[in-house]
Each structure stands twice: as structure tokens, then as C-alpha cells.
Amino acid sequence: MTEMMTLWRPTGPQELELVRASGWRAWPARLPDQPIFYPVLNEQYAIMIARDWNVPASGAGYVTRFHVDQEFAARYPVRQVGGRDILELWVPAEELDELNRHIVGLIEVVHEFRPVEQAE
């Protein structure tokens, strides 16, 4: 049986719509100024990004979860980008199609965040 690595990806509505258009099976190509695709290894870190960054930047934030073949994922470095639990898997943008081919199952939305209404 294939071992899997669970990854989370905080995202905004535009990227999520492209994932939806793929049938929940693939991440869209990166933009020219985005050389790395970096899903995260910790759900809490993904929640923090979706809530604190994606909501102010685009009006909504989502946390997605997906699974990748562990043996395939091992070829990419895990980067610690903050505290000990702030971990990202760094996949070069030109290898994203190959990563997509190694997703097991569907990409799923596990959390959704919207702006908090301010009391008047």
C-alpha cells in the first residue's frame, strides 16, 4: 500500500476556483513571479495564513487538504520558515504538473474564513 503525506494549502477564492475547475484534482500553474509552490505540513499554520493573510487580501480564505504519494513528496525539501511548526514543502513551479499527477484522491476544503463583521 502506498504511504501518503498529508499537505494543506491556504488559498484565496481565485486559486480555489481554478482547483474547482480541475475537478478538485490539480493545482493551477504558478504565476511568473511565483517560482515555488509551497503547501504546508501543519494545519494550524495553514489556518493562520488563510485567516490572517488571505481574508484581508482577497475577502475570503480557505484551507485545503490533499494527499500526495510519500515517496514522490520526499524528493522536495521541507523548509522551516518560522517557528519549529512553520514548515512548507517547496516544489519548483515547473514541477507542479508532476506533483498534481501524484495527488491521491481529491483536494478538499476543510476550513473557510470570511471577514468578521464589525459591530456598529
PDB file of N, CA and C in Angstrom:
ATOM      1  N   MET A   1       0.852  -1.186   0.000  1.00  0.00           N
ATOM      2  CA  MET A   1       0.000   0.000   0.000  1.00  0.00           C
ATOM      3  C   MET A   1       0.894   1.244   0.000  1.00  0.00           C
ATOM      4  N   THR A   2       0.507   2.218  -0.774  1.00  0.00           N
ATOM      5  CA  THR A   2       1.267   3.451  -0.891  1.00  0.00           C
ATOM      6  C   THR A   2       1.087   4.304   0.357  1.00  0.00           C
ATOM      7  N   GLU A   3       2.208   4.751   0.934  1.00  0.00           N
ATOM      8  CA  GLU A   3       2.122   5.680   2.054  1.00  0.00           C
ATOM      9  C   GLU A   3       1.899   7.073   1.496  1.00  0.00           C
ATOM     10  N   MET A   4       1.110   7.861   2.239  1.00  0.00           N
ATOM     11  CA  MET A   4       0.784   9.203   1.775  1.00  0.00           C
ATOM     12  C   MET A   4       1.246  10.253   2.767  1.00  0.00           C
ATOM     13  N   MET A   5       1.536  11.427   2.228  1.00  0.00           N
ATOM     14  CA  MET A   5       1.838  12.609   3.026  1.00  0.00           C
ATOM     15  C   MET A   5       0.630  13.526   2.912  1.00  0.00           C
ATOM     16  N   THR A   6       0.132  13.999   4.044  1.00  0.00           N
ATOM     17  CA  THR A   6      -0.978  14.949   4.046  1.00  0.00           C
ATOM     18  C   THR A   6      -0.408  16.353   4.036  1.00  0.00           C
ATOM     19  N   LEU A   7      -0.914  17.162   3.126  1.00  0.00           N
ATOM     20  CA  LEU A   7      -0.477  18.550   2.983  1.00  0.00           C
ATOM     21  C   LEU A   7      -1.694  19.460   3.043  1.00  0.00           C
ATOM     22  N   TRP A   8      -1.463  20.688   3.458  1.00  0.00           N
ATOM     23  CA  TRP A   8      -2.508  21.708   3.494  1.00  0.00           C
ATOM     24  C   TRP A   8      -2.062  22.874   2.634  1.00  0.00           C
ATOM     25  N   ARG A   9      -3.024  23.545   2.045  1.00  0.00           N
ATOM     26  CA  ARG A   9      -2.715  24.700   1.219  1.00  0.00           C
ATOM     27  C   ARG A   9      -3.708  25.806   1.546  1.00  0.00           C
ATOM     28  N   PRO A  10      -3.239  26.911   2.154  1.00  0.00           N
ATOM     29  CA  PRO A  10      -4.115  28.065   2.326  1.00  0.00           C
ATOM     30  C   PRO A  10      -4.257  28.766   0.985  1.00  0.00           C
ATOM     31  N   THR A  11      -5.456  29.187   0.666  1.00  0.00           N
ATOM     32  CA  THR A  11      -5.688  29.775  -0.653  1.00  0.00           C
ATOM     33  C   THR A  11      -6.819  30.798  -0.605  1.00  0.00           C
ATOM     34  N   GLY A  12      -6.823  31.646  -1.596  1.00  0.00           N
ATOM     35  CA  GLY A  12      -7.900  32.619  -1.755  1.00  0.00           C
ATOM     36  C   GLY A  12      -8.909  32.121  -2.764  1.00  0.00           C
ATOM     37  N   PRO A  13      -9.953  32.905  -3.006  1.00  0.00           N
ATOM     38  CA  PRO A  13     -11.034  32.467  -3.890  1.00  0.00           C
ATOM     39  C   PRO A  13     -10.629  32.232  -5.340  1.00  0.00           C
ATOM     40  N   GLN A  14      -9.691  33.012  -5.874  1.00  0.00           N
ATOM     41  CA  GLN A  14      -9.319  32.828  -7.286  1.00  0.00           C
ATOM     42  C   GLN A  14      -8.622  31.492  -7.511  1.00  0.00           C
ATOM     43  N   GLU A  15      -7.642  31.181  -6.678  1.00  0.00           N
ATOM     44  CA  GLU A  15      -6.959  29.895  -6.825  1.00  0.00           C
ATOM     45  C   GLU A  15      -7.925  28.746  -6.557  1.00  0.00           C
ATOM     46  N   LEU A  16      -8.793  28.903  -5.573  1.00  0.00           N
ATOM     47  CA  LEU A  16      -9.752  27.837  -5.262  1.00  0.00           C
ATOM     48  C   LEU A  16     -10.679  27.573  -6.441  1.00  0.00           C
ATOM     49  N   GLU A  17     -11.084  28.614  -7.141  1.00  0.00           N
ATOM     50  CA  GLU A  17     -11.954  28.417  -8.305  1.00  0.00           C
ATOM     51  C   GLU A  17     -11.241  27.605  -9.390  1.00  0.00           C
ATOM     52  N   LEU A  18      -9.949  27.823  -9.568  1.00  0.00           N
ATOM     53  CA  LEU A  18      -9.181  27.041 -10.550  1.00  0.00           C
ATOM     54  C   LEU A  18      -9.051  25.583 -10.110  1.00  0.00           C
ATOM     55  N   VAL A  19      -8.922  25.353  -8.820  1.00  0.00           N
ATOM     56  CA  VAL A  19      -8.887  23.981  -8.310  1.00  0.00           C
ATOM     57  C   VAL A  19     -10.241  23.318  -8.565  1.00  0.00           C
ATOM     58  N   ARG A  20     -11.323  24.050  -8.275  1.00  0.00           N
ATOM     59  CA  ARG A  20     -12.670  23.525  -8.526  1.00  0.00           C
ATOM     60  C   ARG A  20     -12.835  23.159 -10.004  1.00  0.00           C
ATOM     61  N   ALA A  21     -12.352  24.023 -10.894  1.00  0.00           N
ATOM     62  CA  ALA A  21     -12.459  23.782 -12.337  1.00  0.00           C
ATOM     63  C   ALA A  21     -11.699  22.525 -12.766  1.00  0.00           C
ATOM     64  N   SER A  22     -10.693  22.134 -11.990  1.00  0.00           N
ATOM     65  CA  SER A  22      -9.929  20.920 -12.316  1.00  0.00           C
ATOM     66  C   SER A  22     -10.637  19.652 -11.832  1.00  0.00           C
ATOM     67  N   GLY A  23     -11.801  19.809 -11.227  1.00  0.00           N
ATOM     68  CA  GLY A  23     -12.483  18.667 -10.640  1.00  0.00           C
ATOM     69  C   GLY A  23     -11.901  18.302  -9.279  1.00  0.00           C
ATOM     70  N   TRP A  24     -11.255  19.265  -8.624  1.00  0.00           N
ATOM     71  CA  TRP A  24     -10.623  19.083  -7.308  1.00  0.00           C
ATOM     72  C   TRP A  24      -9.448  18.113  -7.386  1.00  0.00           C
ATOM     73  N   ARG A  25      -8.765  18.095  -8.553  1.00  0.00           N
ATOM     74  CA  ARG A  25      -7.682  17.139  -8.761  1.00  0.00           C
ATOM     75  C   ARG A  25      -6.315  17.776  -8.986  1.00  0.00           C
ATOM     76  N   ALA A  26      -6.247  19.118  -9.159  1.00  0.00           N
ATOM     77  CA  ALA A  26      -4.951  19.708  -9.522  1.00  0.00           C
ATOM     78  C   ALA A  26      -4.866  21.159  -9.073  1.00  0.00           C
ATOM     79  N   TRP A  27      -3.628  21.558  -8.808  1.00  0.00           N
ATOM     80  CA  TRP A  27      -3.322  22.952  -8.516  1.00  0.00           C
ATOM     81  C   TRP A  27      -2.993  23.675  -9.810  1.00  0.00           C
ATOM     82  N   PRO A  28      -3.412  24.932  -9.939  1.00  0.00           N
ATOM     83  CA  PRO A  28      -3.133  25.675 -11.169  1.00  0.00           C
ATOM     84  C   PRO A  28      -1.657  26.058 -11.276  1.00  0.00           C
ATOM     85  N   ALA A  29      -1.240  26.318 -12.499  1.00  0.00           N
ATOM     86  CA  ALA A  29       0.135  26.758 -12.753  1.00  0.00           C
ATOM     87  C   ALA A  29       0.423  28.016 -11.946  1.00  0.00           C
ATOM     88  N   ARG A  30       1.649  28.166 -11.562  1.00  0.00           N
ATOM     89  CA  ARG A  30       2.080  29.341 -10.811  1.00  0.00           C
ATOM     90  C   ARG A  30       2.204  30.532 -11.755  1.00  0.00           C
ATOM     91  N   LEU A  31       2.100  31.716 -11.199  1.00  0.00           N
ATOM     92  CA  LEU A  31       2.306  32.937 -11.966  1.00  0.00           C
ATOM     93  C   LEU A  31       3.804  33.138 -12.179  1.00  0.00           C
ATOM     94  N   PRO A  32       4.192  33.938 -13.166  1.00  0.00           N
ATOM     95  CA  PRO A  32       5.622  34.131 -13.452  1.00  0.00           C
ATOM     96  C   PRO A  32       6.460  34.568 -12.248  1.00  0.00           C
ATOM     97  N   ASP A  33       5.867  35.331 -11.339  1.00  0.00           N
ATOM     98  CA  ASP A  33       6.625  35.791 -10.171  1.00  0.00           C
ATOM     99  C   ASP A  33       6.519  34.825  -8.981  1.00  0.00           C
ATOM    100  N   GLN A  34       6.026  33.606  -9.229  1.00  0.00           N
ATOM    101  CA  GLN A  34       5.869  32.593  -8.179  1.00  0.00           C
ATOM    102  C   GLN A  34       6.657  31.334  -8.554  1.00  0.00           C
ATOM    103  N   PRO A  35       7.952  31.300  -8.264  1.00  0.00           N
ATOM    104  CA  PRO A  35       8.777  30.171  -8.695  1.00  0.00           C
ATOM    105  C   PRO A  35       8.597  28.888  -7.882  1.00  0.00           C
ATOM    106  N   ILE A  36       7.908  28.997  -6.745  1.00  0.00           N
ATOM    107  CA  ILE A  36       7.750  27.848  -5.859  1.00  0.00           C
ATOM    108  C   ILE A  36       6.276  27.663  -5.513  1.00  0.00           C
ATOM    109  N   PHE A  37       5.820  26.411  -5.515  1.00  0.00           N
ATOM    110  CA  PHE A  37       4.515  26.046  -4.966  1.00  0.00           C
ATOM    111  C   PHE A  37       4.816  25.477  -3.589  1.00  0.00           C
ATOM    112  N   TYR A  38       4.203  26.021  -2.556  1.00  0.00           N
ATOM    113  CA  TYR A  38       4.577  25.591  -1.219  1.00  0.00           C
ATOM    114  C   TYR A  38       3.367  25.266  -0.335  1.00  0.00           C
ATOM    115  N   PRO A  39       2.870  24.035  -0.447  1.00  0.00           N
ATOM    116  CA  PRO A  39       1.883  23.585   0.526  1.00  0.00           C
ATOM    117  C   PRO A  39       2.567  23.457   1.887  1.00  0.00           C
ATOM    118  N   VAL A  40       1.779  23.443   2.945  1.00  0.00           N
ATOM    119  CA  VAL A  40       2.352  23.404   4.287  1.00  0.00           C
ATOM    120  C   VAL A  40       2.083  22.056   4.947  1.00  0.00           C
ATOM    121  N   LEU A  41       2.884  21.749   5.963  1.00  0.00           N
ATOM    122  CA  LEU A  41       2.811  20.454   6.632  1.00  0.00           C
ATOM    123  C   LEU A  41       2.005  20.491   7.924  1.00  0.00           C
ATOM    124  N   ASN A  42       1.421  21.643   8.246  1.00  0.00           N
ATOM    125  CA  ASN A  42       0.749  21.804   9.518  1.00  0.00           C
ATOM    126  C   ASN A  42      -0.580  22.521   9.302  1.00  0.00           C
ATOM    127  N   GLU A  43      -1.668  21.913   9.722  1.00  0.00           N
ATOM    128  CA  GLU A  43      -2.991  22.503   9.527  1.00  0.00           C
ATOM    129  C   GLU A  43      -3.130  23.848  10.223  1.00  0.00           C
ATOM    130  N   GLN A  44      -2.586  23.989  11.431  1.00  0.00           N
ATOM    131  CA  GLN A  44      -2.709  25.251  12.156  1.00  0.00           C
ATOM    132  C   GLN A  44      -2.003  26.393  11.431  1.00  0.00           C
ATOM    133  N   TYR A  45      -0.860  26.102  10.841  1.00  0.00           N
ATOM    134  CA  TYR A  45      -0.140  27.117  10.057  1.00  0.00           C
ATOM    135  C   TYR A  45      -0.987  27.531   8.855  1.00  0.00           C
ATOM    136  N   ALA A  46      -1.615  26.566   8.188  1.00  0.00           N
ATOM    137  CA  ALA A  46      -2.478  26.878   7.041  1.00  0.00           C
ATOM    138  C   ALA A  46      -3.671  27.736   7.465  1.00  0.00           C
ATOM    139  N   ILE A  47      -4.245  27.425   8.626  1.00  0.00           N
ATOM    140  CA  ILE A  47      -5.366  28.222   9.140  1.00  0.00           C
ATOM    141  C   ILE A  47      -4.927  29.662   9.370  1.00  0.00           C
ATOM    142  N   MET A  48      -3.767  29.829   9.988  1.00  0.00           N
ATOM    143  CA  MET A  48      -3.265  31.179  10.281  1.00  0.00           C
ATOM    144  C   MET A  48      -3.096  31.987   8.984  1.00  0.00           C
ATOM    145  N   ILE A  49      -2.530  31.380   7.950  1.00  0.00           N
ATOM    146  CA  ILE A  49      -2.331  32.090   6.683  1.00  0.00           C
ATOM    147  C   ILE A  49      -3.678  32.426   6.035  1.00  0.00           C
ATOM    148  N   ALA A  50      -4.576  31.456   5.966  1.00  0.00           N
ATOM    149  CA  ALA A  50      -5.876  31.685   5.324  1.00  0.00           C
ATOM    150  C   ALA A  50      -6.659  32.780   6.031  1.00  0.00           C
ATOM    151  N   ARG A  51      -6.663  32.741   7.345  1.00  0.00           N
ATOM    152  CA  ARG A  51      -7.435  33.696   8.151  1.00  0.00           C
ATOM    153  C   ARG A  51      -6.780  35.075   8.186  1.00  0.00           C
ATOM    154  N   ASP A  52      -5.462  35.104   8.401  1.00  0.00           N
ATOM    155  CA  ASP A  52      -4.783  36.378   8.649  1.00  0.00           C
ATOM    156  C   ASP A  52      -4.218  37.040   7.394  1.00  0.00           C
ATOM    157  N   TRP A  53      -4.065  36.295   6.327  1.00  0.00           N
ATOM    158  CA  TRP A  53      -3.494  36.867   5.110  1.00  0.00           C
ATOM    159  C   TRP A  53      -4.486  36.832   3.953  1.00  0.00           C
ATOM    160  N   ASN A  54      -5.055  35.647   3.662  1.00  0.00           N
ATOM    161  CA  ASN A  54      -5.950  35.541   2.508  1.00  0.00           C
ATOM    162  C   ASN A  54      -7.233  36.363   2.680  1.00  0.00           C
ATOM    163  N   VAL A  55      -7.813  36.381   3.882  1.00  0.00           N
ATOM    164  CA  VAL A  55      -9.059  37.133   4.081  1.00  0.00           C
ATOM    165  C   VAL A  55      -8.843  38.620   3.815  1.00  0.00           C
ATOM    166  N   PRO A  56      -7.849  39.267   4.437  1.00  0.00           N
ATOM    167  CA  PRO A  56      -7.647  40.689   4.133  1.00  0.00           C
ATOM    168  C   PRO A  56      -7.255  40.947   2.674  1.00  0.00           C
ATOM    169  N   ALA A  57      -6.503  40.028   2.082  1.00  0.00           N
ATOM    170  CA  ALA A  57      -6.009  40.236   0.714  1.00  0.00           C
ATOM    171  C   ALA A  57      -7.084  40.012  -0.343  1.00  0.00           C
ATOM    172  N   SER A  58      -8.008  39.071  -0.089  1.00  0.00           N
ATOM    173  CA  SER A  58      -8.958  38.737  -1.159  1.00  0.00           C
ATOM    174  C   SER A  58     -10.392  38.525  -0.692  1.00  0.00           C
ATOM    175  N   GLY A  59     -10.689  38.824   0.558  1.00  0.00           N
ATOM    176  CA  GLY A  59     -12.065  38.750   1.031  1.00  0.00           C
ATOM    177  C   GLY A  59     -12.500  37.401   1.566  1.00  0.00           C
ATOM    178  N   ALA A  60     -11.701  36.372   1.348  1.00  0.00           N
ATOM    179  CA  ALA A  60     -12.010  35.037   1.873  1.00  0.00           C
ATOM    180  C   ALA A  60     -10.718  34.238   1.910  1.00  0.00           C
ATOM    181  N   GLY A  61     -10.677  33.300   2.823  1.00  0.00           N
ATOM    182  CA  GLY A  61      -9.529  32.416   2.911  1.00  0.00           C
ATOM    183  C   GLY A  61     -10.013  30.992   3.114  1.00  0.00           C
ATOM    184  N   TYR A  62      -9.338  30.068   2.491  1.00  0.00           N
ATOM    185  CA  TYR A  62      -9.712  28.663   2.565  1.00  0.00           C
ATOM    186  C   TYR A  62      -8.484  27.840   2.919  1.00  0.00           C
ATOM    187  N   VAL A  63      -8.715  26.776   3.665  1.00  0.00           N
ATOM    188  CA  VAL A  63      -7.666  25.795   3.912  1.00  0.00           C
ATOM    189  C   VAL A  63      -8.086  24.530   3.190  1.00  0.00           C
ATOM    190  N   THR A  64      -7.213  24.066   2.318  1.00  0.00           N
ATOM    191  CA  THR A  64      -7.467  22.821   1.616  1.00  0.00           C
ATOM    192  C   THR A  64      -6.533  21.754   2.167  1.00  0.00           C
ATOM    193  N   ARG A  65      -6.951  20.515   1.995  1.00  0.00           N
ATOM    194  CA  ARG A  65      -6.128  19.372   2.396  1.00  0.00           C
ATOM    195  C   ARG A  65      -6.055  18.419   1.212  1.00  0.00           C
ATOM    196  N   PHE A  66      -4.878  17.871   1.007  1.00  0.00           N
ATOM    197  CA  PHE A  66      -4.724  16.867  -0.037  1.00  0.00           C
ATOM    198  C   PHE A  66      -3.608  15.914   0.343  1.00  0.00           C
ATOM    199  N   HIS A  67      -3.574  14.797  -0.340  1.00  0.00           N
ATOM    200  CA  HIS A  67      -2.601  13.748  -0.033  1.00  0.00           C
ATOM    201  C   HIS A  67      -1.749  13.489  -1.267  1.00  0.00           C
ATOM    202  N   VAL A  68      -0.464  13.287  -1.015  1.00  0.00           N
ATOM    203  CA  VAL A  68       0.496  13.027  -2.091  1.00  0.00           C
ATOM    204  C   VAL A  68       1.258  11.755  -1.735  1.00  0.00           C
ATOM    205  N   ASP A  69       1.596  10.995  -2.737  1.00  0.00           N
ATOM    206  CA  ASP A  69       2.427   9.813  -2.546  1.00  0.00           C
ATOM    207  C   ASP A  69       3.694  10.207  -1.780  1.00  0.00           C
ATOM    208  N   GLN A  70       3.917   9.584  -0.631  1.00  0.00           N
ATOM    209  CA  GLN A  70       5.035   9.928   0.255  1.00  0.00           C
ATOM    210  C   GLN A  70       6.385   9.788  -0.436  1.00  0.00           C
ATOM    211  N   GLU A  71       6.571   8.726  -1.186  1.00  0.00           N
ATOM    212  CA  GLU A  71       7.857   8.522  -1.864  1.00  0.00           C
ATOM    213  C   GLU A  71       8.137   9.641  -2.859  1.00  0.00           C
ATOM    214  N   PHE A  72       7.113  10.064  -3.580  1.00  0.00           N
ATOM    215  CA  PHE A  72       7.272  11.176  -4.516  1.00  0.00           C
ATOM    216  C   PHE A  72       7.582  12.474  -3.767  1.00  0.00           C
ATOM    217  N   ALA A  73       6.831  12.759  -2.716  1.00  0.00           N
ATOM    218  CA  ALA A  73       6.999  14.009  -1.976  1.00  0.00           C
ATOM    219  C   ALA A  73       8.388  14.130  -1.350  1.00  0.00           C
ATOM    220  N   ALA A  74       9.017  13.006  -1.060  1.00  0.00           N
ATOM    221  CA  ALA A  74      10.327  13.014  -0.402  1.00  0.00           C
ATOM    222  C   ALA A  74      11.411  13.668  -1.250  1.00  0.00           C
ATOM    223  N   ARG A  75      11.168  13.839  -2.538  1.00  0.00           N
ATOM    224  CA  ARG A  75      12.189  14.472  -3.386  1.00  0.00           C
ATOM    225  C   ARG A  75      12.285  15.986  -3.177  1.00  0.00           C
ATOM    226  N   TYR A  76      11.292  16.565  -2.497  1.00  0.00           N
ATOM    227  CA  TYR A  76      11.266  18.013  -2.303  1.00  0.00           C
ATOM    228  C   TYR A  76      11.673  18.373  -0.882  1.00  0.00           C
ATOM    229  N   PRO A  77      12.399  19.481  -0.722  1.00  0.00           N
ATOM    230  CA  PRO A  77      12.828  19.866   0.620  1.00  0.00           C
ATOM    231  C   PRO A  77      11.688  20.429   1.459  1.00  0.00           C
ATOM    232  N   VAL A  78      11.720  20.093   2.731  1.00  0.00           N
ATOM    233  CA  VAL A  78      10.825  20.717   3.704  1.00  0.00           C
ATOM    234  C   VAL A  78      11.605  21.893   4.281  1.00  0.00           C
ATOM    235  N   ARG A  79      10.996  23.060   4.224  1.00  0.00           N
ATOM    236  CA  ARG A  79      11.664  24.272   4.709  1.00  0.00           C
ATOM    237  C   ARG A  79      10.979  24.762   5.973  1.00  0.00           C
ATOM    238  N   GLN A  80      11.773  25.088   6.963  1.00  0.00           N
ATOM    239  CA  GLN A  80      11.265  25.716   8.175  1.00  0.00           C
ATOM    240  C   GLN A  80      11.357  27.218   7.933  1.00  0.00           C
ATOM    241  N   VAL A  81      10.208  27.891   7.893  1.00  0.00           N
ATOM    242  CA  VAL A  81      10.186  29.302   7.514  1.00  0.00           C
ATOM    243  C   VAL A  81       9.794  30.223   8.665  1.00  0.00           C
ATOM    244  N   GLY A  82       9.807  29.703   9.851  1.00  0.00           N
ATOM    245  CA  GLY A  82       9.469  30.469  11.045  1.00  0.00           C
ATOM    246  C   GLY A  82       9.752  29.601  12.242  1.00  0.00           C
ATOM    247  N   GLY A  83       8.778  29.488  13.146  1.00  0.00           N
ATOM    248  CA  GLY A  83       8.908  28.615  14.309  1.00  0.00           C
ATOM    249  C   GLY A  83       9.031  27.158  13.890  1.00  0.00           C
ATOM    250  N   ARG A  84       9.231  26.295  14.874  1.00  0.00           N
ATOM    251  CA  ARG A  84       9.507  24.887  14.550  1.00  0.00           C
ATOM    252  C   ARG A  84       8.362  24.184  13.822  1.00  0.00           C
ATOM    253  N   ASP A  85       7.128  24.694  13.945  1.00  0.00           N
ATOM    254  CA  ASP A  85       5.985  24.090  13.271  1.00  0.00           C
ATOM    255  C   ASP A  85       5.598  24.813  11.985  1.00  0.00           C
ATOM    256  N   ILE A  86       6.390  25.774  11.570  1.00  0.00           N
ATOM    257  CA  ILE A  86       6.104  26.543  10.357  1.00  0.00           C
ATOM    258  C   ILE A  86       6.896  25.896   9.216  1.00  0.00           C
ATOM    259  N   LEU A  87       6.308  24.834   8.666  1.00  0.00           N
ATOM    260  CA  LEU A  87       7.003  24.007   7.679  1.00  0.00           C
ATOM    261  C   LEU A  87       6.263  24.018   6.350  1.00  0.00           C
ATOM    262  N   GLU A  88       7.035  24.127   5.276  1.00  0.00           N
ATOM    263  CA  GLU A  88       6.482  24.129   3.916  1.00  0.00           C
ATOM    264  C   GLU A  88       7.243  23.119   3.063  1.00  0.00           C
ATOM    265  N   LEU A  89       6.543  22.512   2.130  1.00  0.00           N
ATOM    266  CA  LEU A  89       7.176  21.659   1.131  1.00  0.00           C
ATOM    267  C   LEU A  89       7.399  22.530  -0.098  1.00  0.00           C
ATOM    268  N   TRP A  90       8.649  22.662  -0.536  1.00  0.00           N
ATOM    269  CA  TRP A  90       8.955  23.560  -1.655  1.00  0.00           C
ATOM    270  C   TRP A  90       9.071  22.784  -2.960  1.00  0.00           C
ATOM    271  N   VAL A  91       8.088  23.005  -3.838  1.00  0.00           N
ATOM    272  CA  VAL A  91       8.043  22.344  -5.133  1.00  0.00           C
ATOM    273  C   VAL A  91       8.297  23.396  -6.209  1.00  0.00           C
ATOM    274  N   PRO A  92       9.335  23.236  -7.021  1.00  0.00           N
ATOM    275  CA  PRO A  92       9.560  24.209  -8.103  1.00  0.00           C
ATOM    276  C   PRO A  92       8.333  24.293  -9.014  1.00  0.00           C
ATOM    277  N   ALA A  93       7.989  25.493  -9.424  1.00  0.00           N
ATOM    278  CA  ALA A  93       6.790  25.713 -10.245  1.00  0.00           C
ATOM    279  C   ALA A  93       6.766  24.833 -11.489  1.00  0.00           C
ATOM    280  N   GLU A  94       7.931  24.615 -12.089  1.00  0.00           N
ATOM    281  CA  GLU A  94       7.961  23.814 -13.315  1.00  0.00           C
ATOM    282  C   GLU A  94       7.674  22.329 -13.063  1.00  0.00           C
ATOM    283  N   GLU A  95       7.624  21.914 -11.797  1.00  0.00           N
ATOM    284  CA  GLU A  95       7.325  20.515 -11.465  1.00  0.00           C
ATOM    285  C   GLU A  95       5.924  20.334 -10.878  1.00  0.00           C
ATOM    286  N   LEU A  96       5.126  21.393 -10.908  1.00  0.00           N
ATOM    287  CA  LEU A  96       3.786  21.327 -10.326  1.00  0.00           C
ATOM    288  C   LEU A  96       2.891  20.311 -11.030  1.00  0.00           C
ATOM    289  N   ASP A  97       2.984  20.207 -12.358  1.00  0.00           N
ATOM    290  CA  ASP A  97       2.167  19.218 -13.070  1.00  0.00           C
ATOM    291  C   ASP A  97       2.475  17.805 -12.580  1.00  0.00           C
ATOM    292  N   GLU A  98       3.751  17.542 -12.329  1.00  0.00           N
ATOM    293  CA  GLU A  98       4.119  16.216 -11.838  1.00  0.00           C
ATOM    294  C   GLU A  98       3.577  15.994 -10.426  1.00  0.00           C
ATOM    295  N   LEU A  99       3.658  17.014  -9.580  1.00  0.00           N
ATOM    296  CA  LEU A  99       3.059  16.901  -8.250  1.00  0.00           C
ATOM    297  C   LEU A  99       1.568  16.590  -8.382  1.00  0.00           C
ATOM    298  N   ASN A 100       0.882  17.307  -9.257  1.00  0.00           N
ATOM    299  CA  ASN A 100      -0.550  17.078  -9.451  1.00  0.00           C
ATOM    300  C   ASN A 100      -0.836  15.627  -9.834  1.00  0.00           C
ATOM    301  N   ARG A 101       0.026  15.025 -10.620  1.00  0.00           N
ATOM    302  CA  ARG A 101      -0.166  13.624 -11.025  1.00  0.00           C
ATOM    303  C   ARG A 101       0.009  12.659  -9.846  1.00  0.00           C
ATOM    304  N   HIS A 102       0.648  13.119  -8.782  1.00  0.00           N
ATOM    305  CA  HIS A 102       0.877  12.261  -7.614  1.00  0.00           C
ATOM    306  C   HIS A 102      -0.087  12.565  -6.458  1.00  0.00           C
ATOM    307  N   ILE A 103      -1.080  13.425  -6.701  1.00  0.00           N
ATOM    308  CA  ILE A 103      -2.110  13.646  -5.683  1.00  0.00           C
ATOM    309  C   ILE A 103      -2.984  12.400  -5.635  1.00  0.00           C
ATOM    310  N   VAL A 104      -3.224  11.923  -4.424  1.00  0.00           N
ATOM    311  CA  VAL A 104      -4.052  10.735  -4.219  1.00  0.00           C
ATOM    312  C   VAL A 104      -5.418  11.208  -3.743  1.00  0.00           C
ATOM    313  N   GLY A 105      -6.450  10.927  -4.520  1.00  0.00           N
ATOM    314  CA  GLY A 105      -7.791  11.383  -4.172  1.00  0.00           C
ATOM    315  C   GLY A 105      -8.010  12.813  -4.623  1.00  0.00           C
ATOM    316  N   LEU A 106      -8.902  13.503  -3.921  1.00  0.00           N
ATOM    317  CA  LEU A 106      -9.287  14.856  -4.295  1.00  0.00           C
ATOM    318  C   LEU A 106      -8.729  15.882  -3.317  1.00  0.00           C
ATOM    319  N   ILE A 107      -8.605  17.098  -3.792  1.00  0.00           N
ATOM    320  CA  ILE A 107      -8.273  18.236  -2.943  1.00  0.00           C
ATOM    321  C   ILE A 107      -9.580  18.649  -2.266  1.00  0.00           C
ATOM    322  N   GLU A 108      -9.553  18.829  -0.959  1.00  0.00           N
ATOM    323  CA  GLU A 108     -10.789  19.167  -0.261  1.00  0.00           C
ATOM    324  C   GLU A 108     -10.629  20.429   0.582  1.00  0.00           C
ATOM    325  N   VAL A 109     -11.711  21.199   0.673  1.00  0.00           N
ATOM    326  CA  VAL A 109     -11.735  22.384   1.516  1.00  0.00           C
ATOM    327  C   VAL A 109     -12.112  21.925   2.922  1.00  0.00           C
ATOM    328  N   VAL A 110     -11.271  22.269   3.903  1.00  0.00           N
ATOM    329  CA  VAL A 110     -11.537  21.853   5.282  1.00  0.00           C
ATOM    330  C   VAL A 110     -11.856  23.028   6.204  1.00  0.00           C
ATOM    331  N   HIS A 111     -11.538  24.254   5.787  1.00  0.00           N
ATOM    332  CA  HIS A 111     -11.873  25.451   6.572  1.00  0.00           C
ATOM    333  C   HIS A 111     -12.131  26.602   5.609  1.00  0.00           C
ATOM    334  N   GLU A 112     -13.045  27.479   6.014  1.00  0.00           N
ATOM    335  CA  GLU A 112     -13.344  28.679   5.230  1.00  0.00           C
ATOM    336  C   GLU A 112     -13.427  29.857   6.187  1.00  0.00           C
ATOM    337  N   PHE A 113     -12.805  30.966   5.801  1.00  0.00           N
ATOM    338  CA  PHE A 113     -12.799  32.171   6.631  1.00  0.00           C
ATOM    339  C   PHE A 113     -13.283  33.357   5.814  1.00  0.00           C
ATOM    340  N   ARG A 114     -14.063  34.193   6.472  1.00  0.00           N
ATOM    341  CA  ARG A 114     -14.578  35.426   5.869  1.00  0.00           C
ATOM    342  C   ARG A 114     -14.275  36.577   6.834  1.00  0.00           C
ATOM    343  N   PRO A 115     -14.381  37.815   6.357  1.00  0.00           N
ATOM    344  CA  PRO A 115     -14.147  38.934   7.270  1.00  0.00           C
ATOM    345  C   PRO A 115     -15.142  38.890   8.437  1.00  0.00           C
ATOM    346  N   VAL A 116     -14.673  39.269   9.602  1.00  0.00           N
ATOM    347  CA  VAL A 116     -15.539  39.352  10.778  1.00  0.00           C
ATOM    348  C   VAL A 116     -16.313  40.668  10.672  1.00  0.00           C
ATOM    349  N   GLU A 117     -17.619  40.576  10.822  1.00  0.00           N
ATOM    350  CA  GLU A 117     -18.459  41.779  10.774  1.00  0.00           C
ATOM    351  C   GLU A 117     -18.159  42.641  11.992  1.00  0.00           C
ATOM    352  N   GLN A 118     -17.967  43.924  11.764  1.00  0.00           N
ATOM    353  CA  GLN A 118     -17.692  44.860  12.850  1.00  0.00           C
ATOM    354  C   GLN A 118     -19.010  45.383  13.422  1.00  0.00           C
ATOM    355  N   ALA A 119     -19.146  45.340  14.732  1.00  0.00           N
ATOM    356  CA  ALA A 119     -20.337  45.893  15.377  1.00  0.00           C
ATOM    357  C   ALA A 119     -20.313  47.417  15.275  1.00  0.00           C
ATOM    358  N   GLU A 120     -21.467  48.008  15.060  1.00  0.00           N
ATOM    359  CA  GLU A 120     -21.509  49.466  14.937  1.00  0.00           C
ATOM    360  C   GLU A 120     -21.823  50.131  16.237  1.00  0.00           C
TER     361      GLU A 120
END
